[in-house]
Amino acid sequence: MKKILLLSDTHSHIDDTILKYVNLADEVWHAGDIGDLVVTDTLKKLKPLRAVYGNIDDDKARMEFPLNNRFMCEGVDVWITHIGGYPGKYNQAVREELKMNPPKLFICGHSHILKVQFDKSLNLLHMNPGACGIYGFHQVRTMLRFEIDGDKIQSLEIVEIGKK
């Protein structure tokens, strides 16, 4: 079993509240718009990190992290990208691959809107953790915590860090 902390859209911001939850996880996954790589360097010192770059990320982030990160975590096929869209309205850059070879868990960021939705047509779980940074239009900073046990995604928890 792995305890996952999923975050996105830090936009160069990291603080003690985020780090408190990092320390409770087995792995941290970042769905892009990292900003300053001090964020990911700090995360990597504490826990294994899987991340993608986002549209605001510079060449350094793009050299270190991929646009799409697809991997197996225990028995779950996971795909993380920054701009992925939502069930029924996926971004055209990922739409065809999602239809042809859907993962069990599809994760994106970008919108700063927390959303977890099951896509019945592709039989996948879609997650967007919202934004845990202090820049953007969102009012409440959010992250997601969950567990992967074998092929099960369970114990999903919304973490509200508070107002930005």
N, C-alpha and C. Protein backbone atom coordinates (compact mmCIF):
# COMPACT_ATOMS: atom_id res chain seq x y z
N MET A 1 0.84 -1.19 0.00
CA MET A 1 0.00 0.00 0.00
C MET A 1 0.88 1.25 0.00
N LYS A 2 0.48 2.24 -0.80
CA LYS A 2 1.20 3.51 -0.84
C LYS A 2 0.25 4.65 -0.52
N LYS A 3 0.72 5.55 0.33
CA LYS A 3 -0.02 6.77 0.64
C LYS A 3 0.51 7.88 -0.26
N ILE A 4 -0.39 8.47 -1.03
CA ILE A 4 -0.02 9.47 -2.03
C ILE A 4 -0.53 10.85 -1.61
N LEU A 5 0.33 11.85 -1.76
CA LEU A 5 -0.09 13.25 -1.66
C LEU A 5 -0.03 13.81 -3.06
N LEU A 6 -1.16 14.30 -3.55
CA LEU A 6 -1.26 14.85 -4.90
C LEU A 6 -1.46 16.36 -4.81
N LEU A 7 -0.56 17.08 -5.46
CA LEU A 7 -0.69 18.53 -5.47
C LEU A 7 -0.41 19.08 -6.86
N SER A 8 -0.74 20.33 -7.05
CA SER A 8 -0.54 20.98 -8.34
C SER A 8 -0.50 22.48 -8.15
N ASP A 9 -0.01 23.14 -9.17
CA ASP A 9 -0.07 24.60 -9.26
C ASP A 9 0.47 25.28 -8.00
N THR A 10 1.69 24.90 -7.64
CA THR A 10 2.36 25.55 -6.52
C THR A 10 2.84 26.95 -6.91
N HIS A 11 3.14 27.16 -8.18
CA HIS A 11 3.59 28.48 -8.66
C HIS A 11 4.67 29.06 -7.75
N SER A 12 5.68 28.25 -7.45
CA SER A 12 6.86 28.61 -6.65
C SER A 12 6.62 28.67 -5.15
N HIS A 13 5.45 28.29 -4.70
CA HIS A 13 5.14 28.39 -3.27
C HIS A 13 5.21 27.02 -2.58
N ILE A 14 5.93 26.99 -1.47
CA ILE A 14 5.95 25.80 -0.59
C ILE A 14 5.98 26.33 0.84
N ASP A 15 5.26 25.70 1.73
CA ASP A 15 5.24 26.18 3.11
C ASP A 15 5.16 24.99 4.07
N ASP A 16 5.20 25.29 5.35
CA ASP A 16 5.21 24.24 6.38
C ASP A 16 3.94 23.41 6.39
N THR A 17 2.81 23.99 6.02
CA THR A 17 1.56 23.21 5.99
C THR A 17 1.63 22.15 4.90
N ILE A 18 2.10 22.52 3.72
CA ILE A 18 2.26 21.54 2.65
C ILE A 18 3.24 20.46 3.10
N LEU A 19 4.36 20.88 3.69
CA LEU A 19 5.39 19.93 4.10
C LEU A 19 4.91 18.98 5.19
N LYS A 20 4.00 19.43 6.03
CA LYS A 20 3.43 18.55 7.04
C LYS A 20 2.75 17.35 6.38
N TYR A 21 1.99 17.62 5.31
CA TYR A 21 1.30 16.54 4.60
C TYR A 21 2.27 15.71 3.76
N VAL A 22 3.32 16.32 3.26
CA VAL A 22 4.36 15.58 2.54
C VAL A 22 4.93 14.50 3.46
N ASN A 23 5.20 14.87 4.68
CA ASN A 23 5.80 13.92 5.64
C ASN A 23 4.89 12.76 6.00
N LEU A 24 3.59 12.90 5.78
CA LEU A 24 2.63 11.83 6.07
C LEU A 24 2.46 10.87 4.89
N ALA A 25 3.04 11.22 3.73
CA ALA A 25 2.85 10.43 2.51
C ALA A 25 4.05 9.51 2.28
N ASP A 26 3.82 8.48 1.44
CA ASP A 26 4.91 7.64 0.96
C ASP A 26 5.52 8.23 -0.31
N GLU A 27 4.68 8.85 -1.14
CA GLU A 27 5.12 9.49 -2.38
C GLU A 27 4.35 10.79 -2.56
N VAL A 28 4.98 11.74 -3.28
CA VAL A 28 4.32 12.99 -3.64
C VAL A 28 4.25 13.05 -5.15
N TRP A 29 3.07 13.40 -5.67
CA TRP A 29 2.87 13.58 -7.10
C TRP A 29 2.48 15.03 -7.35
N HIS A 30 3.13 15.68 -8.32
CA HIS A 30 2.89 17.09 -8.64
C HIS A 30 2.43 17.19 -10.08
N ALA A 31 1.24 17.77 -10.29
CA ALA A 31 0.62 17.83 -11.62
C ALA A 31 0.92 19.14 -12.35
N GLY A 32 2.08 19.71 -12.14
CA GLY A 32 2.55 20.82 -12.97
C GLY A 32 2.29 22.21 -12.45
N ASP A 33 2.87 23.18 -13.17
CA ASP A 33 2.99 24.57 -12.74
C ASP A 33 3.72 24.63 -11.40
N ILE A 34 4.92 24.08 -11.45
CA ILE A 34 5.80 24.02 -10.29
C ILE A 34 6.29 25.41 -9.93
N GLY A 35 6.74 26.14 -10.94
CA GLY A 35 7.38 27.44 -10.70
C GLY A 35 8.84 27.21 -10.39
N ASP A 36 9.33 27.81 -9.35
CA ASP A 36 10.73 27.66 -8.95
C ASP A 36 11.01 26.21 -8.55
N LEU A 37 12.11 25.65 -9.06
CA LEU A 37 12.44 24.26 -8.75
C LEU A 37 12.84 24.04 -7.30
N VAL A 38 12.94 25.11 -6.52
CA VAL A 38 13.12 24.95 -5.06
C VAL A 38 11.97 24.11 -4.50
N VAL A 39 10.78 24.26 -5.09
CA VAL A 39 9.61 23.48 -4.65
C VAL A 39 9.89 21.99 -4.79
N THR A 40 10.24 21.55 -5.99
CA THR A 40 10.44 20.12 -6.21
C THR A 40 11.72 19.62 -5.55
N ASP A 41 12.74 20.47 -5.47
CA ASP A 41 13.96 20.07 -4.76
C ASP A 41 13.65 19.80 -3.29
N THR A 42 12.82 20.64 -2.69
CA THR A 42 12.42 20.46 -1.29
C THR A 42 11.61 19.17 -1.13
N LEU A 43 10.67 18.94 -2.03
CA LEU A 43 9.85 17.73 -1.96
C LEU A 43 10.70 16.47 -2.10
N LYS A 44 11.64 16.48 -3.04
CA LYS A 44 12.48 15.30 -3.31
C LYS A 44 13.39 14.95 -2.13
N LYS A 45 13.73 15.93 -1.33
CA LYS A 45 14.57 15.65 -0.15
C LYS A 45 13.79 14.87 0.91
N LEU A 46 12.46 14.97 0.85
CA LEU A 46 11.62 14.34 1.87
C LEU A 46 11.00 13.02 1.43
N LYS A 47 10.54 12.96 0.18
CA LYS A 47 9.81 11.77 -0.30
C LYS A 47 10.08 11.57 -1.78
N PRO A 48 9.86 10.35 -2.28
CA PRO A 48 9.93 10.14 -3.72
C PRO A 48 8.90 11.04 -4.41
N LEU A 49 9.31 11.62 -5.54
CA LEU A 49 8.47 12.59 -6.26
C LEU A 49 8.26 12.14 -7.70
N ARG A 50 7.02 12.23 -8.15
CA ARG A 50 6.69 12.07 -9.56
C ARG A 50 6.02 13.38 -9.97
N ALA A 51 6.47 13.96 -11.08
CA ALA A 51 5.94 15.27 -11.46
C ALA A 51 5.94 15.45 -12.97
N VAL A 52 5.19 16.44 -13.41
CA VAL A 52 5.19 16.89 -14.80
C VAL A 52 5.36 18.40 -14.80
N TYR A 53 5.81 18.93 -15.92
CA TYR A 53 5.88 20.39 -16.01
C TYR A 53 4.54 20.94 -16.51
N GLY A 54 4.31 22.19 -16.17
CA GLY A 54 3.09 22.87 -16.60
C GLY A 54 3.40 24.03 -17.52
N ASN A 55 2.36 24.74 -17.93
CA ASN A 55 2.52 25.80 -18.91
C ASN A 55 3.32 27.00 -18.41
N ILE A 56 3.43 27.21 -17.10
CA ILE A 56 4.22 28.34 -16.60
C ILE A 56 5.68 27.95 -16.31
N ASP A 57 5.99 26.67 -16.43
CA ASP A 57 7.31 26.19 -16.05
C ASP A 57 8.35 26.49 -17.13
N ASP A 58 9.56 26.82 -16.66
CA ASP A 58 10.63 27.22 -17.57
C ASP A 58 11.41 26.02 -18.10
N ASP A 59 12.46 26.32 -18.86
CA ASP A 59 13.26 25.27 -19.49
C ASP A 59 13.89 24.31 -18.48
N LYS A 60 14.28 24.83 -17.32
CA LYS A 60 14.88 23.96 -16.30
C LYS A 60 13.89 22.89 -15.85
N ALA A 61 12.65 23.29 -15.59
CA ALA A 61 11.62 22.33 -15.19
C ALA A 61 11.31 21.37 -16.33
N ARG A 62 11.30 21.87 -17.56
CA ARG A 62 10.98 21.03 -18.72
C ARG A 62 12.09 20.04 -19.02
N MET A 63 13.30 20.36 -18.60
CA MET A 63 14.40 19.40 -18.77
C MET A 63 14.36 18.32 -17.69
N GLU A 64 13.86 18.68 -16.51
CA GLU A 64 13.84 17.73 -15.40
C GLU A 64 12.60 16.84 -15.38
N PHE A 65 11.46 17.39 -15.81
CA PHE A 65 10.19 16.66 -15.72
C PHE A 65 9.54 16.57 -17.10
N PRO A 66 8.79 15.47 -17.34
CA PRO A 66 8.12 15.31 -18.64
C PRO A 66 6.79 16.07 -18.70
N LEU A 67 6.27 16.19 -19.92
CA LEU A 67 4.93 16.75 -20.12
C LEU A 67 3.88 15.75 -19.64
N ASN A 68 4.11 14.47 -19.92
CA ASN A 68 3.23 13.38 -19.51
C ASN A 68 4.05 12.38 -18.72
N ASN A 69 3.50 11.91 -17.63
CA ASN A 69 4.19 10.90 -16.81
C ASN A 69 3.22 9.75 -16.61
N ARG A 70 3.49 8.64 -17.28
CA ARG A 70 2.63 7.46 -17.16
C ARG A 70 3.44 6.35 -16.51
N PHE A 71 2.88 5.74 -15.50
CA PHE A 71 3.61 4.75 -14.72
C PHE A 71 2.62 3.85 -13.99
N MET A 72 3.14 2.76 -13.46
CA MET A 72 2.35 1.87 -12.61
C MET A 72 2.68 2.17 -11.16
N CYS A 73 1.67 2.29 -10.34
CA CYS A 73 1.85 2.38 -8.89
C CYS A 73 1.07 1.21 -8.32
N GLU A 74 1.82 0.26 -7.77
CA GLU A 74 1.23 -1.01 -7.38
C GLU A 74 0.51 -1.57 -8.60
N GLY A 75 -0.81 -1.81 -8.53
CA GLY A 75 -1.53 -2.36 -9.68
C GLY A 75 -2.35 -1.33 -10.44
N VAL A 76 -2.03 -0.04 -10.28
CA VAL A 76 -2.81 1.03 -10.90
C VAL A 76 -1.98 1.73 -11.98
N ASP A 77 -2.54 1.76 -13.19
CA ASP A 77 -1.95 2.49 -14.31
C ASP A 77 -2.32 3.97 -14.12
N VAL A 78 -1.29 4.82 -13.97
CA VAL A 78 -1.49 6.24 -13.66
C VAL A 78 -0.93 7.08 -14.81
N TRP A 79 -1.65 8.12 -15.16
CA TRP A 79 -1.16 9.09 -16.15
C TRP A 79 -1.35 10.47 -15.55
N ILE A 80 -0.24 11.21 -15.42
CA ILE A 80 -0.28 12.59 -14.94
C ILE A 80 0.14 13.51 -16.08
N THR A 81 -0.63 14.56 -16.31
CA THR A 81 -0.27 15.63 -17.23
C THR A 81 -0.82 16.92 -16.64
N HIS A 82 -0.35 18.06 -17.14
CA HIS A 82 -0.82 19.31 -16.54
C HIS A 82 -2.16 19.75 -17.12
N ILE A 83 -2.24 19.85 -18.43
CA ILE A 83 -3.48 20.32 -19.07
C ILE A 83 -4.17 19.11 -19.69
N GLY A 84 -5.12 18.54 -18.95
CA GLY A 84 -5.77 17.32 -19.41
C GLY A 84 -7.25 17.46 -19.69
N GLY A 85 -7.88 18.49 -19.16
CA GLY A 85 -9.32 18.63 -19.32
C GLY A 85 -10.08 17.76 -18.33
N TYR A 86 -11.33 17.49 -18.66
CA TYR A 86 -12.23 16.75 -17.78
C TYR A 86 -12.99 15.69 -18.58
N PRO A 87 -13.57 14.70 -17.89
CA PRO A 87 -14.36 13.70 -18.60
C PRO A 87 -15.39 14.37 -19.52
N GLY A 88 -15.40 13.91 -20.77
CA GLY A 88 -16.28 14.49 -21.76
C GLY A 88 -15.71 15.72 -22.44
N LYS A 89 -14.67 16.32 -21.83
CA LYS A 89 -14.05 17.53 -22.39
C LYS A 89 -12.54 17.47 -22.21
N TYR A 90 -11.95 16.33 -22.60
CA TYR A 90 -10.50 16.19 -22.48
C TYR A 90 -9.79 17.07 -23.50
N ASN A 91 -8.61 17.53 -23.14
CA ASN A 91 -7.77 18.31 -24.02
C ASN A 91 -7.44 17.49 -25.26
N GLN A 92 -7.46 18.12 -26.41
CA GLN A 92 -7.23 17.38 -27.66
C GLN A 92 -5.85 16.74 -27.72
N ALA A 93 -4.88 17.26 -26.97
CA ALA A 93 -3.54 16.68 -26.97
C ALA A 93 -3.51 15.28 -26.34
N VAL A 94 -4.48 14.97 -25.49
CA VAL A 94 -4.50 13.67 -24.80
C VAL A 94 -5.72 12.82 -25.17
N ARG A 95 -6.68 13.41 -25.80
CA ARG A 95 -7.99 12.76 -26.02
C ARG A 95 -7.88 11.41 -26.73
N GLU A 96 -7.17 11.34 -27.84
CA GLU A 96 -7.10 10.10 -28.60
C GLU A 96 -6.38 8.99 -27.84
N GLU A 97 -5.27 9.34 -27.19
CA GLU A 97 -4.53 8.34 -26.40
C GLU A 97 -5.39 7.84 -25.24
N LEU A 98 -6.13 8.75 -24.61
CA LEU A 98 -7.03 8.33 -23.52
C LEU A 98 -8.07 7.33 -24.02
N LYS A 99 -8.63 7.59 -25.19
CA LYS A 99 -9.64 6.69 -25.74
C LYS A 99 -9.05 5.34 -26.13
N MET A 100 -7.86 5.37 -26.73
CA MET A 100 -7.24 4.13 -27.22
C MET A 100 -6.64 3.30 -26.09
N ASN A 101 -6.10 3.96 -25.07
CA ASN A 101 -5.38 3.26 -24.01
C ASN A 101 -5.59 3.98 -22.67
N PRO A 102 -6.80 3.93 -22.13
CA PRO A 102 -7.07 4.69 -20.91
C PRO A 102 -6.33 4.11 -19.69
N PRO A 103 -5.79 4.99 -18.84
CA PRO A 103 -5.23 4.53 -17.57
C PRO A 103 -6.37 4.26 -16.59
N LYS A 104 -6.05 3.75 -15.43
CA LYS A 104 -7.07 3.59 -14.39
C LYS A 104 -7.27 4.92 -13.65
N LEU A 105 -6.17 5.71 -13.56
CA LEU A 105 -6.19 6.99 -12.85
C LEU A 105 -5.57 8.05 -13.74
N PHE A 106 -6.35 9.08 -14.08
CA PHE A 106 -5.89 10.18 -14.92
C PHE A 106 -5.87 11.44 -14.07
N ILE A 107 -4.70 12.08 -13.99
CA ILE A 107 -4.50 13.23 -13.11
C ILE A 107 -4.05 14.43 -13.93
N CYS A 108 -4.64 15.58 -13.65
CA CYS A 108 -4.16 16.81 -14.25
C CYS A 108 -4.31 17.95 -13.25
N GLY A 109 -3.75 19.08 -13.60
CA GLY A 109 -3.84 20.29 -12.79
C GLY A 109 -4.42 21.39 -13.66
N HIS A 110 -3.78 22.55 -13.65
CA HIS A 110 -4.01 23.69 -14.54
C HIS A 110 -5.21 24.55 -14.18
N SER A 111 -6.36 23.97 -13.93
CA SER A 111 -7.59 24.76 -13.76
C SER A 111 -7.68 25.45 -12.41
N HIS A 112 -6.89 25.01 -11.43
CA HIS A 112 -6.98 25.48 -10.04
C HIS A 112 -8.32 25.11 -9.41
N ILE A 113 -9.05 24.19 -10.03
CA ILE A 113 -10.36 23.76 -9.52
C ILE A 113 -10.26 22.30 -9.10
N LEU A 114 -10.50 22.04 -7.83
CA LEU A 114 -10.49 20.67 -7.32
C LEU A 114 -11.66 19.90 -7.92
N LYS A 115 -11.34 18.73 -8.48
CA LYS A 115 -12.41 17.92 -9.05
C LYS A 115 -11.96 16.47 -9.06
N VAL A 116 -12.83 15.58 -8.58
CA VAL A 116 -12.62 14.15 -8.68
C VAL A 116 -13.89 13.59 -9.30
N GLN A 117 -13.72 12.87 -10.42
CA GLN A 117 -14.89 12.40 -11.15
C GLN A 117 -14.56 11.08 -11.83
N PHE A 118 -15.50 10.15 -11.76
CA PHE A 118 -15.32 8.88 -12.46
C PHE A 118 -15.84 9.04 -13.88
N ASP A 119 -15.03 8.66 -14.85
CA ASP A 119 -15.43 8.69 -16.26
C ASP A 119 -15.92 7.30 -16.64
N LYS A 120 -17.24 7.14 -16.70
CA LYS A 120 -17.83 5.83 -17.01
C LYS A 120 -17.49 5.37 -18.41
N SER A 121 -17.40 6.30 -19.36
CA SER A 121 -17.16 5.91 -20.75
C SER A 121 -15.76 5.33 -20.94
N LEU A 122 -14.78 5.78 -20.17
CA LEU A 122 -13.41 5.27 -20.29
C LEU A 122 -13.00 4.39 -19.10
N ASN A 123 -13.91 4.26 -18.13
CA ASN A 123 -13.65 3.44 -16.95
C ASN A 123 -12.37 3.88 -16.23
N LEU A 124 -12.27 5.19 -16.00
CA LEU A 124 -11.10 5.72 -15.29
C LEU A 124 -11.54 6.74 -14.25
N LEU A 125 -10.68 6.94 -13.27
CA LEU A 125 -10.92 7.96 -12.25
C LEU A 125 -10.09 9.18 -12.62
N HIS A 126 -10.75 10.32 -12.70
CA HIS A 126 -10.10 11.59 -13.03
C HIS A 126 -9.92 12.38 -11.73
N MET A 127 -8.70 12.90 -11.51
CA MET A 127 -8.44 13.73 -10.34
C MET A 127 -7.74 15.02 -10.75
N ASN A 128 -8.19 16.11 -10.17
CA ASN A 128 -7.48 17.38 -10.24
C ASN A 128 -7.45 17.90 -8.80
N PRO A 129 -6.25 18.06 -8.23
CA PRO A 129 -6.17 18.45 -6.82
C PRO A 129 -6.42 19.93 -6.54
N GLY A 130 -6.75 20.71 -7.57
CA GLY A 130 -6.87 22.14 -7.37
C GLY A 130 -5.49 22.75 -7.30
N ALA A 131 -5.34 23.84 -6.58
CA ALA A 131 -4.05 24.53 -6.48
C ALA A 131 -3.66 24.71 -5.03
N CYS A 132 -2.41 24.42 -4.71
CA CYS A 132 -1.96 24.64 -3.33
C CYS A 132 -1.03 25.84 -3.22
N GLY A 133 -0.81 26.53 -4.33
CA GLY A 133 -0.01 27.75 -4.30
C GLY A 133 -0.86 28.94 -3.91
N ILE A 134 -0.23 30.11 -3.90
CA ILE A 134 -0.93 31.33 -3.48
C ILE A 134 -1.24 32.26 -4.65
N TYR A 135 -0.93 31.83 -5.87
CA TYR A 135 -1.20 32.64 -7.06
C TYR A 135 -2.29 31.99 -7.89
N GLY A 136 -3.18 32.82 -8.42
CA GLY A 136 -4.27 32.32 -9.24
C GLY A 136 -5.61 32.77 -8.68
N PHE A 137 -6.68 32.40 -9.36
CA PHE A 137 -8.02 32.87 -8.98
C PHE A 137 -8.67 32.05 -7.88
N HIS A 138 -8.13 30.87 -7.56
CA HIS A 138 -8.75 30.03 -6.54
C HIS A 138 -8.76 30.77 -5.20
N GLN A 139 -9.74 30.46 -4.39
CA GLN A 139 -9.86 31.11 -3.08
C GLN A 139 -9.28 30.25 -1.96
N VAL A 140 -9.44 28.93 -2.08
CA VAL A 140 -8.97 28.00 -1.06
C VAL A 140 -7.90 27.11 -1.67
N ARG A 141 -6.79 26.96 -0.98
CA ARG A 141 -5.69 26.12 -1.43
C ARG A 141 -6.02 24.67 -1.07
N THR A 142 -5.85 23.76 -2.06
CA THR A 142 -6.25 22.37 -1.85
C THR A 142 -5.21 21.39 -2.37
N MET A 143 -5.26 20.19 -1.81
CA MET A 143 -4.48 19.04 -2.25
C MET A 143 -5.36 17.81 -2.05
N LEU A 144 -4.92 16.67 -2.55
CA LEU A 144 -5.62 15.41 -2.33
C LEU A 144 -4.68 14.40 -1.70
N ARG A 145 -5.22 13.59 -0.81
CA ARG A 145 -4.50 12.44 -0.25
C ARG A 145 -5.32 11.20 -0.54
N PHE A 146 -4.64 10.11 -0.88
CA PHE A 146 -5.33 8.84 -1.10
C PHE A 146 -4.32 7.72 -0.99
N GLU A 147 -4.84 6.51 -1.01
CA GLU A 147 -3.99 5.32 -0.93
C GLU A 147 -4.20 4.48 -2.18
N ILE A 148 -3.14 3.84 -2.59
CA ILE A 148 -3.22 2.83 -3.64
C ILE A 148 -2.80 1.52 -2.99
N ASP A 149 -3.73 0.57 -2.99
CA ASP A 149 -3.49 -0.73 -2.39
C ASP A 149 -3.78 -1.78 -3.46
N GLY A 150 -2.72 -2.34 -4.03
CA GLY A 150 -2.90 -3.27 -5.13
C GLY A 150 -3.47 -2.52 -6.32
N ASP A 151 -4.68 -2.92 -6.75
CA ASP A 151 -5.31 -2.23 -7.87
C ASP A 151 -6.45 -1.32 -7.40
N LYS A 152 -6.48 -1.01 -6.11
CA LYS A 152 -7.55 -0.18 -5.55
C LYS A 152 -7.04 1.22 -5.20
N ILE A 153 -7.85 2.22 -5.53
CA ILE A 153 -7.62 3.61 -5.14
C ILE A 153 -8.63 3.87 -4.03
N GLN A 154 -8.14 4.19 -2.84
CA GLN A 154 -9.05 4.26 -1.69
C GLN A 154 -8.65 5.36 -0.73
N SER A 155 -9.51 5.58 0.26
CA SER A 155 -9.27 6.54 1.35
C SER A 155 -8.96 7.94 0.83
N LEU A 156 -9.71 8.39 -0.17
CA LEU A 156 -9.51 9.71 -0.75
C LEU A 156 -9.92 10.78 0.24
N GLU A 157 -9.04 11.78 0.40
CA GLU A 157 -9.30 12.87 1.33
C GLU A 157 -8.93 14.19 0.67
N ILE A 158 -9.82 15.16 0.76
CA ILE A 158 -9.52 16.52 0.30
C ILE A 158 -8.83 17.25 1.44
N VAL A 159 -7.70 17.87 1.13
CA VAL A 159 -6.98 18.67 2.12
C VAL A 159 -7.17 20.14 1.77
N GLU A 160 -7.87 20.86 2.61
CA GLU A 160 -8.01 22.30 2.43
C GLU A 160 -6.96 22.96 3.30
N ILE A 161 -6.02 23.65 2.65
CA ILE A 161 -4.93 24.29 3.39
C ILE A 161 -5.39 25.62 3.95
N GLY A 162 -6.41 26.19 3.37
CA GLY A 162 -6.91 27.47 3.83
C GLY A 162 -6.93 28.49 2.71
N LYS A 163 -7.34 29.69 3.05
CA LYS A 163 -7.40 30.74 2.05
C LYS A 163 -6.00 31.18 1.68
N LYS A 164 -5.87 31.62 0.44
CA LYS A 164 -4.54 32.04 -0.02
C LYS A 164 -4.20 33.44 0.38
